[in-house]
Amino acid sequence: MKIDVLLGLQWGDEGKGKITDVLTPSYDIIARFQGGPNAGHTLEFNGMKHVLHTIPSGIFHPGKINVIGNGVVIDAYIFARELQKLRERGAKPELNLLISKRAHLILPTHRLIDIVEEASKGKSKIGSTLKGIGPTYTDKTGRHGLRIGDTQYPGFRDKYEALKKQHMRIIESFNPDPSMLMIENMPLEEYERHWFESIEYISDIKLIDSEIFINKSMREGKKILAEGAQGTLLDVDFGTYPYVTSSSTISAGVCSGLGISPHNVGRVFGVFKAYCTRVGGGPFPTELFDETGDRLRKLGHEFGSTTGRPRRCGWLDLPALKYSVMLNGVTDLVMMKVDVLDGFETFSIGVGYKIGQEILDFPGYDTLNQEIEPVLEHFPGWHTPVTGCTSWEELPENLRSFTTALGEKLELPVSVISVGPNRSQTIILDSSNLK
């Protein structure tokens, strides 16, 4: 049995959490393979909204196992609050959540390093969420990091203090204003106390050798869905560097993030919005700076579920989407938020990048470092709300035509269409891969 993968094809915020939740009934295990609390996966059902940051999006299905893989980084304080909210809403994560012992810990001082480093960049800020993600992955690759499995052994506090001492030297080298050294509106000592209390609070969640568990489960015929965070265009290698995250967000990251071999990757569900958004700095060829961009932001509620920051909005970028499909070996396209385009007389997609007199239909290393004029193709809108549609036949003709045209341009048909935020507002066009 192979592992299926679900990931984002844009700059994150595509709606991966909702689709993971929708697909979970078809799987036995949902496993996160990278990222940390910089993710914000929003689920809506039964009149309630749930935002998950570290925990896989299958957690509200009691009969399904959820695994936080070794490629994920965990802030104990944020994680403990997330667990508490789940329990308040009736979930019992101690029964269906497992954590890899190899998952690295985000220390309080990782967050301080993030704060002072980002502030030092001035106008060159990358738009960090200031959750300590980058510094934690830096320590991981530098072989300094602490893993959650370390909390089970004597000497953990000594290792913590030694790493904290290294971090403080880095922080002091920036000569920061003392007012900057606050985490969640708390001074370091107070946040640190809550952090260690959180380590105790989460200790009832079972720690496992997740790579052994995942491979054993595959041999037993269990169906597994690997859930990614952020998006392909934020991948540390292939995204719009340096305006990227610190981990591998593409399907190849599943192998290192869960401990499986490449031949064990099965279906790849690529999730994208019918338009584009991104948070923070970096290139965005189809960005809109006018009333249309504001309208997309308002109708799409495009504000970060983790940071609350307004997202930059623009038309769908087809060259970037093709690139993401190629990198990930996407087998199933999932189009989100088509309802946001309800009522637009016309809308557009970017089909090429004009650089000087040349038009490119694929992003390369040099492309996004140059001044780009997007080449746009326009489509007629539909004038009826789609949120109540439950089948392909009920969708407006212009939406069906656009979806078909998009599949032809990407040489891969759209398999799933989301017409609203609720898990029930999902139209599955090809269910053959879910049986």
Protein backbone atom coordinates (compact mmCIF):
# COMPACT_ATOMS: atom_id res chain seq x y z
CA MET A 1 0.00 0.00 0.00
CA LYS A 2 1.42 3.40 -1.05
CA ILE A 3 1.08 6.72 0.78
CA ASP A 4 -1.05 9.39 -0.86
CA VAL A 5 0.02 13.02 -0.48
CA LEU A 6 -1.96 16.24 -0.16
CA LEU A 7 -0.14 19.55 -0.51
CA GLY A 8 -0.47 23.14 -1.68
CA LEU A 9 0.50 24.31 -5.15
CA GLN A 10 0.75 28.04 -4.45
CA TRP A 11 2.11 30.19 -1.59
CA GLY A 12 0.10 28.40 1.08
CA ASP A 13 -3.40 29.15 2.38
CA GLU A 14 -4.93 27.08 -0.42
CA GLY A 15 -7.43 25.23 1.79
CA LYS A 16 -5.46 22.05 2.45
CA GLY A 17 -6.94 21.57 5.90
CA LYS A 18 -10.50 21.43 4.61
CA ILE A 19 -9.66 18.90 1.89
CA THR A 20 -7.68 16.72 4.30
CA ASP A 21 -10.72 16.71 6.57
CA VAL A 22 -12.97 15.81 3.60
CA LEU A 23 -10.70 12.96 2.48
CA THR A 24 -9.98 11.56 5.95
CA PRO A 25 -12.91 9.06 5.94
CA SER A 26 -11.16 7.27 3.04
CA TYR A 27 -7.92 6.82 5.05
CA ASP A 28 -6.74 5.11 8.23
CA ILE A 29 -3.86 7.46 9.09
CA ILE A 30 -3.26 11.19 8.47
CA ALA A 31 0.39 12.25 8.85
CA ARG A 32 1.94 15.74 8.77
CA PHE A 33 5.41 15.67 7.21
CA GLN A 34 6.86 19.20 7.52
CA GLY A 35 6.35 22.71 8.83
CA GLY A 36 5.25 23.82 12.25
CA PRO A 37 2.91 26.30 13.93
CA ASN A 38 3.41 28.72 11.05
CA ALA A 39 0.70 26.63 9.36
CA GLY A 40 -2.97 27.45 9.84
CA HIS A 41 -5.34 24.80 8.54
CA THR A 42 -8.98 25.88 8.87
CA LEU A 43 -11.83 23.37 9.11
CA GLU A 44 -15.54 24.21 9.18
CA PHE A 45 -18.34 21.79 10.03
CA ASN A 46 -21.41 21.63 12.26
CA GLY A 47 -21.49 25.41 12.42
CA MET A 48 -18.04 25.68 13.99
CA LYS A 49 -14.63 26.80 12.73
CA HIS A 50 -11.44 25.07 13.86
CA VAL A 51 -7.89 26.29 13.12
CA LEU A 52 -5.08 23.73 13.42
CA HIS A 53 -1.41 24.72 13.45
CA THR A 54 0.64 21.61 14.20
CA ILE A 55 -1.91 18.80 14.49
CA PRO A 56 -3.02 16.93 11.34
CA SER A 57 -6.43 17.86 9.95
CA GLY A 58 -7.93 14.41 10.49
CA ILE A 59 -8.02 14.86 14.25
CA PHE A 60 -11.79 15.36 14.46
CA HIS A 61 -12.40 11.85 13.10
CA PRO A 62 -12.11 9.71 16.28
CA GLY A 63 -11.45 6.44 14.44
CA LYS A 64 -8.49 7.82 12.48
CA ILE A 65 -4.87 7.93 13.66
CA ASN A 66 -3.05 11.26 13.25
CA VAL A 67 0.76 11.38 13.19
CA ILE A 68 3.08 14.36 13.58
CA GLY A 69 6.11 13.25 11.60
CA ASN A 70 9.81 13.77 12.17
CA GLY A 71 9.91 16.61 9.60
CA VAL A 72 7.63 18.78 11.74
CA VAL A 73 8.88 21.28 14.34
CA ILE A 74 6.88 21.76 17.56
CA ASP A 75 6.49 24.69 19.93
CA ALA A 76 5.32 23.08 23.18
CA TYR A 77 3.43 26.20 24.29
CA ILE A 78 1.47 26.62 21.06
CA PHE A 79 0.93 22.87 20.80
CA ALA A 80 -0.45 22.64 24.34
CA ARG A 81 -2.96 25.43 23.65
CA GLU A 82 -3.99 23.67 20.45
CA LEU A 83 -4.58 20.44 22.38
CA GLN A 84 -6.60 22.29 25.01
CA LYS A 85 -8.90 23.83 22.39
CA LEU A 86 -9.41 20.43 20.79
CA ARG A 87 -10.40 18.92 24.13
CA GLU A 88 -12.81 21.78 24.79
CA ARG A 89 -14.55 20.87 21.53
CA GLY A 90 -14.91 17.23 22.36
CA ALA A 91 -11.84 15.75 20.65
CA LYS A 92 -9.64 13.29 22.52
CA PRO A 93 -6.18 13.68 20.96
CA GLU A 94 -4.59 11.44 23.59
CA LEU A 95 -6.44 8.56 21.87
CA ASN A 96 -5.73 9.23 18.18
CA LEU A 97 -2.63 11.45 17.99
CA LEU A 98 0.98 10.23 17.83
CA ILE A 99 4.21 12.26 17.67
CA SER A 100 7.55 11.26 16.18
CA LYS A 101 10.30 11.24 18.77
CA ARG A 102 12.50 12.80 16.09
CA ALA A 103 10.36 15.95 15.68
CA HIS A 104 12.44 18.99 16.68
CA LEU A 105 11.42 21.41 19.42
CA ILE A 106 11.05 25.16 18.93
CA LEU A 107 12.66 26.67 22.00
CA PRO A 108 11.58 30.07 23.36
CA THR A 109 14.94 31.49 22.30
CA HIS A 110 14.37 30.25 18.73
CA ARG A 111 11.46 32.67 18.63
CA LEU A 112 13.61 35.52 19.95
CA ILE A 113 16.25 34.83 17.30
CA ASP A 114 13.50 34.97 14.67
CA ILE A 115 12.31 38.33 16.01
CA VAL A 116 15.72 40.05 16.10
CA GLU A 117 16.89 38.59 12.78
CA GLU A 118 13.75 39.66 10.95
CA ALA A 119 13.90 43.15 12.46
CA SER A 120 17.54 43.52 11.37
CA LYS A 121 16.60 43.01 7.70
CA GLY A 122 14.73 46.31 7.43
CA LYS A 123 13.09 46.63 4.02
CA SER A 124 14.41 43.19 3.05
CA LYS A 125 12.15 41.37 5.53
CA ILE A 126 10.94 38.01 4.22
CA GLY A 127 7.66 38.17 6.14
CA SER A 128 8.46 35.57 8.80
CA THR A 129 5.59 34.50 11.06
CA LEU A 130 8.07 34.95 13.95
CA LYS A 131 7.25 31.48 15.27
CA GLY A 132 10.91 30.43 15.42
CA ILE A 133 10.58 28.03 12.49
CA GLY A 134 13.68 29.11 10.57
CA PRO A 135 16.06 29.14 13.56
CA THR A 136 14.78 25.70 14.61
CA TYR A 137 15.45 24.17 11.21
CA THR A 138 18.85 25.93 11.23
CA ASP A 139 19.73 24.18 14.49
CA LYS A 140 18.42 20.92 13.08
CA THR A 141 20.72 21.03 10.06
CA GLY A 142 23.53 22.43 12.23
CA ARG A 143 23.13 19.42 14.56
CA HIS A 144 22.43 21.53 17.64
CA GLY A 145 18.69 20.95 17.96
CA LEU A 146 16.61 19.30 20.65
CA ARG A 147 13.97 16.73 19.74
CA ILE A 148 10.79 15.97 21.57
CA GLY A 149 12.12 12.48 22.33
CA ASP A 150 14.83 14.16 24.41
CA THR A 151 12.19 15.22 26.94
CA GLN A 152 11.90 11.59 28.07
CA TYR A 153 15.53 11.32 29.19
CA PRO A 154 17.51 12.67 32.16
CA GLY A 155 19.65 15.63 31.27
CA PHE A 156 17.04 17.30 29.04
CA ARG A 157 17.10 20.50 31.09
CA ASP A 158 20.91 20.61 30.89
CA LYS A 159 20.77 20.27 27.09
CA TYR A 160 18.12 22.97 27.00
CA GLU A 161 20.23 25.39 29.04
CA ALA A 162 23.31 24.77 26.91
CA LEU A 163 21.42 25.54 23.70
CA LYS A 164 19.71 28.54 25.27
CA LYS A 165 23.15 29.91 26.19
CA GLN A 166 24.24 29.65 22.53
CA HIS A 167 21.05 31.36 21.43
CA MET A 168 21.46 34.25 23.86
CA ARG A 169 24.89 35.00 22.41
CA ILE A 170 23.29 35.23 18.96
CA ILE A 171 20.45 37.42 20.23
CA GLU A 172 22.81 39.78 22.08
CA SER A 173 24.95 40.17 18.95
CA PHE A 174 22.05 42.09 17.37
CA ASN A 175 22.07 44.54 20.31
CA PRO A 176 18.27 44.48 20.37
CA ASP A 177 16.05 46.97 22.12
CA PRO A 178 14.78 45.22 25.29
CA SER A 179 11.20 45.96 24.24
CA MET A 180 11.65 43.59 21.29
CA LEU A 181 12.42 40.60 23.49
CA MET A 182 8.82 39.59 24.09
CA ILE A 183 7.12 36.33 23.06
CA GLU A 184 3.31 36.21 22.96
CA ASN A 185 3.45 39.52 24.90
CA MET A 186 5.52 37.87 27.64
CA PRO A 187 9.15 38.34 28.66
CA LEU A 188 11.41 35.35 28.04
CA GLU A 189 11.35 34.08 31.65
CA GLU A 190 7.55 34.01 31.80
CA TYR A 191 7.15 32.39 28.38
CA GLU A 192 9.84 29.87 29.28
CA ARG A 193 7.93 28.88 32.43
CA HIS A 194 4.76 28.30 30.40
CA TRP A 195 6.81 26.39 27.84
CA PHE A 196 8.06 23.88 30.42
CA GLU A 197 4.56 23.56 31.87
CA SER A 198 3.39 22.79 28.34
CA ILE A 199 6.00 20.04 28.01
CA GLU A 200 4.29 18.40 31.00
CA TYR A 201 0.79 19.03 29.59
CA ILE A 202 1.50 17.31 26.29
CA SER A 203 3.25 14.33 27.91
CA ASP A 204 0.11 12.18 27.63
CA ILE A 205 0.44 12.19 23.83
CA LYS A 206 2.33 9.05 22.85
CA LEU A 207 5.78 9.48 21.29
CA ILE A 208 6.75 6.90 18.67
CA ASP A 209 9.39 5.97 16.13
CA SER A 210 7.10 7.26 13.40
CA GLU A 211 9.17 5.97 10.48
CA ILE A 212 8.81 2.42 11.84
CA PHE A 213 5.10 2.93 12.55
CA ILE A 214 4.38 4.35 9.08
CA ASN A 215 6.25 1.63 7.19
CA LYS A 216 4.68 -1.13 9.32
CA SER A 217 1.24 0.37 8.67
CA MET A 218 1.89 0.35 4.93
CA ARG A 219 2.85 -3.33 5.04
CA GLU A 220 -0.38 -4.03 6.92
CA GLY A 221 -2.39 -2.43 4.13
CA LYS A 222 -3.39 0.73 6.00
CA LYS A 223 -4.34 3.73 3.85
CA ILE A 224 -2.22 6.75 4.72
CA LEU A 225 -2.56 10.38 3.65
CA ALA A 226 0.47 12.65 4.12
CA GLU A 227 -0.58 16.24 4.78
CA GLY A 228 1.70 19.11 3.82
CA ALA A 229 1.81 22.66 5.16
CA GLN A 230 2.60 25.99 3.46
CA GLY A 231 2.80 25.61 -0.35
CA THR A 232 5.07 24.52 -3.20
CA LEU A 233 6.11 28.09 -4.07
CA LEU A 234 7.46 28.42 -0.50
CA ASP A 235 9.68 25.34 -0.79
CA VAL A 236 13.19 26.05 0.51
CA ASP A 237 14.76 24.76 -2.73
CA PHE A 238 12.22 25.44 -5.48
CA GLY A 239 10.15 28.32 -4.12
CA THR A 240 10.65 32.07 -4.59
CA TYR A 241 13.87 32.07 -2.54
CA PRO A 242 14.70 33.75 -0.17
CA TYR A 243 11.01 34.49 0.44
CA VAL A 244 10.30 30.90 1.38
CA THR A 245 9.82 28.67 4.40
CA SER A 246 12.60 26.52 5.89
CA SER A 247 11.44 23.04 4.91
CA SER A 248 10.65 20.97 1.84
CA THR A 249 6.98 21.55 1.06
CA ILE A 250 6.85 19.37 -2.07
CA SER A 251 6.01 15.68 -2.43
CA ALA A 252 9.70 14.73 -2.21
CA GLY A 253 9.62 16.10 1.35
CA VAL A 254 7.31 13.26 2.36
CA CYS A 255 10.22 10.82 2.08
CA SER A 256 12.47 12.66 4.54
CA GLY A 257 9.59 14.04 6.62
CA LEU A 258 8.03 10.63 7.34
CA GLY A 259 10.82 8.18 6.57
CA ILE A 260 9.48 6.41 3.48
CA SER A 261 11.14 5.49 0.20
CA PRO A 262 10.18 7.34 -3.03
CA HIS A 263 8.53 4.31 -4.61
CA ASN A 264 6.00 4.32 -1.77
CA VAL A 265 4.42 7.62 -2.85
CA GLY A 266 1.03 7.05 -4.49
CA ARG A 267 -1.53 9.68 -5.45
CA VAL A 268 -0.61 13.36 -5.10
CA PHE A 269 -3.49 15.74 -4.47
CA GLY A 270 -2.46 19.26 -5.47
CA VAL A 271 -4.61 21.99 -3.88
CA PHE A 272 -4.92 25.48 -5.39
CA LYS A 273 -7.25 28.44 -5.20
CA ALA A 274 -9.06 29.81 -8.25
CA TYR A 275 -6.98 32.94 -7.66
CA CYS A 276 -3.67 33.56 -5.85
CA THR A 277 -2.62 34.96 -2.49
CA ARG A 278 0.58 35.24 -0.55
CA VAL A 279 1.70 36.66 2.80
CA GLY A 280 4.89 38.61 3.34
CA GLY A 281 7.48 39.69 0.79
CA GLY A 282 8.53 38.14 -2.47
CA PRO A 283 7.54 38.17 -6.15
CA PHE A 284 3.90 37.86 -7.13
CA PRO A 285 3.54 38.46 -10.91
CA THR A 286 -0.29 38.52 -11.02
CA GLU A 287 -0.80 40.61 -7.86
CA LEU A 288 -3.61 43.17 -7.98
CA PHE A 289 -3.14 46.54 -6.30
CA ASP A 290 -6.57 47.92 -7.16
CA GLU A 291 -10.19 47.56 -6.04
CA THR A 292 -10.34 44.09 -7.58
CA GLY A 293 -7.57 42.90 -5.29
CA ASP A 294 -9.38 44.43 -2.33
CA ARG A 295 -12.58 42.71 -3.43
CA LEU A 296 -10.85 39.31 -3.59
CA ARG A 297 -9.39 39.87 -0.13
CA LYS A 298 -12.76 40.85 1.35
CA LEU A 299 -14.83 38.13 -0.32
CA GLY A 300 -12.21 35.44 0.32
CA HIS A 301 -11.60 36.52 3.94
CA GLU A 302 -7.94 36.60 3.05
CA PHE A 303 -6.35 37.24 6.40
CA GLY A 304 -3.79 34.84 7.86
CA SER A 305 -5.29 32.23 10.20
CA THR A 306 -1.95 32.14 12.05
CA THR A 307 -0.83 35.78 11.88
CA GLY A 308 -4.03 37.68 11.08
CA ARG A 309 -2.11 39.64 8.44
CA PRO A 310 -3.96 40.69 5.26
CA ARG A 311 -2.90 38.57 2.31
CA ARG A 312 -1.77 39.97 -1.00
CA CYS A 313 -4.28 38.95 -3.68
CA GLY A 314 -4.16 38.48 -7.44
CA TRP A 315 -5.24 36.34 -10.34
CA LEU A 316 -4.35 32.68 -10.77
CA ASP A 317 -0.76 32.25 -12.02
CA LEU A 318 -0.82 29.43 -14.56
CA PRO A 319 2.95 29.22 -15.26
CA ALA A 320 3.63 28.86 -11.53
CA LEU A 321 0.82 26.32 -11.22
CA LYS A 322 2.27 24.22 -14.08
CA TYR A 323 5.64 24.35 -12.35
CA SER A 324 4.13 23.10 -9.09
CA VAL A 325 2.26 20.29 -10.85
CA MET A 326 5.54 19.20 -12.45
CA LEU A 327 7.59 19.32 -9.23
CA ASN A 328 5.07 17.30 -7.26
CA GLY A 329 3.96 14.76 -9.86
CA VAL A 330 0.37 15.80 -9.16
CA THR A 331 -2.23 13.19 -10.08
CA ASP A 332 -5.35 14.97 -8.78
CA LEU A 333 -6.09 18.69 -8.94
CA VAL A 334 -8.25 20.24 -6.22
CA MET A 335 -9.61 23.74 -6.94
CA MET A 336 -10.69 25.81 -3.95
CA LYS A 337 -12.70 28.96 -3.33
CA VAL A 338 -14.45 29.23 -6.70
CA ASP A 339 -17.33 30.81 -4.76
CA VAL A 340 -15.16 33.89 -4.18
CA LEU A 341 -15.45 34.62 -7.92
CA ASP A 342 -19.27 34.62 -7.77
CA GLY A 343 -20.56 37.86 -9.23
CA PHE A 344 -17.40 38.86 -11.11
CA GLU A 345 -18.44 40.06 -14.58
CA THR A 346 -15.12 38.75 -15.86
CA PHE A 347 -12.00 37.38 -14.20
CA SER A 348 -8.51 36.58 -15.42
CA ILE A 349 -5.65 34.15 -15.12
CA GLY A 350 -1.99 34.78 -15.87
CA VAL A 351 -0.88 32.54 -18.74
CA GLY A 352 2.63 33.91 -19.33
CA TYR A 353 5.38 36.21 -18.11
CA LYS A 354 6.40 39.05 -20.42
CA ILE A 355 10.01 40.07 -19.79
CA GLY A 356 11.13 42.69 -22.27
CA GLN A 357 10.00 41.37 -25.63
CA GLU A 358 10.04 37.73 -24.56
CA ILE A 359 7.05 35.80 -23.22
CA LEU A 360 7.74 32.81 -20.98
CA ASP A 361 5.20 30.19 -19.92
CA PHE A 362 7.29 28.66 -17.12
CA PRO A 363 9.17 30.21 -14.19
CA GLY A 364 12.92 29.62 -14.09
CA TYR A 365 15.75 30.66 -11.79
CA ASP A 366 16.11 34.07 -13.45
CA THR A 367 12.44 34.71 -14.16
CA LEU A 368 11.29 35.94 -10.79
CA ASN A 369 14.35 38.14 -10.33
CA GLN A 370 13.26 40.35 -13.22
CA GLU A 371 10.49 42.83 -13.90
CA ILE A 372 7.52 40.80 -15.09
CA GLU A 373 4.39 41.90 -16.91
CA PRO A 374 1.79 39.12 -16.65
CA VAL A 375 0.09 38.00 -19.84
CA LEU A 376 -3.58 37.63 -18.94
CA GLU A 377 -6.38 35.57 -20.41
CA HIS A 378 -9.91 36.63 -19.53
CA PHE A 379 -12.96 34.50 -18.78
CA PRO A 380 -16.64 35.38 -18.41
CA GLY A 381 -17.94 35.11 -14.86
CA TRP A 382 -21.08 33.44 -13.60
CA HIS A 383 -23.89 35.31 -11.99
CA THR A 384 -25.36 32.78 -9.60
CA PRO A 385 -23.99 31.70 -6.21
CA VAL A 386 -22.35 28.27 -6.28
CA THR A 387 -22.26 27.55 -2.54
CA GLY A 388 -25.38 25.40 -2.75
CA CYS A 389 -24.24 23.33 -5.74
CA THR A 390 -23.71 19.63 -5.02
CA SER A 391 -22.77 18.25 -8.45
CA TRP A 392 -20.96 19.13 -11.66
CA GLU A 393 -24.29 19.48 -13.47
CA GLU A 394 -25.51 22.11 -10.99
CA LEU A 395 -22.49 24.36 -11.50
CA PRO A 396 -22.95 27.39 -13.80
CA GLU A 397 -21.98 26.75 -17.41
CA ASN A 398 -19.23 29.38 -17.37
CA LEU A 399 -17.62 27.75 -14.31
CA ARG A 400 -17.76 24.34 -15.95
CA SER A 401 -16.16 25.79 -19.11
CA PHE A 402 -13.42 27.49 -17.07
CA THR A 403 -12.71 24.28 -15.14
CA THR A 404 -12.46 22.28 -18.35
CA ALA A 405 -10.19 24.87 -19.98
CA LEU A 406 -7.94 24.90 -16.92
CA GLY A 407 -7.63 21.11 -17.03
CA GLU A 408 -6.65 21.28 -20.69
CA LYS A 409 -3.99 23.94 -20.04
CA LEU A 410 -2.54 21.92 -17.17
CA GLU A 411 -2.93 18.62 -19.06
CA LEU A 412 -4.62 17.26 -15.95
CA PRO A 413 -8.36 17.49 -15.19
CA VAL A 414 -9.66 19.01 -11.98
CA SER A 415 -10.86 16.20 -9.67
CA VAL A 416 -12.36 18.18 -6.78
CA ILE A 417 -14.05 21.60 -6.58
CA SER A 418 -14.72 23.44 -3.32
CA VAL A 419 -17.72 25.78 -3.45
CA GLY A 420 -17.63 26.95 0.16
CA PRO A 421 -15.76 26.65 3.47
CA ASN A 422 -17.83 23.84 4.97
CA ARG A 423 -16.69 20.23 4.52
CA SER A 424 -20.08 19.50 2.87
CA GLN A 425 -19.51 22.16 0.21
CA THR A 426 -17.21 19.95 -1.82
CA ILE A 427 -17.87 18.43 -5.23
CA ILE A 428 -15.80 15.35 -6.02
CA LEU A 429 -15.71 14.90 -9.79
CA ASP A 430 -13.55 11.76 -9.78
CA SER A 431 -13.94 9.55 -6.73
CA SER A 432 -12.09 6.59 -8.23
CA ASN A 433 -8.93 7.46 -6.30
CA LEU A 434 -10.77 7.61 -3.00
CA LYS A 435 -12.17 4.09 -2.95
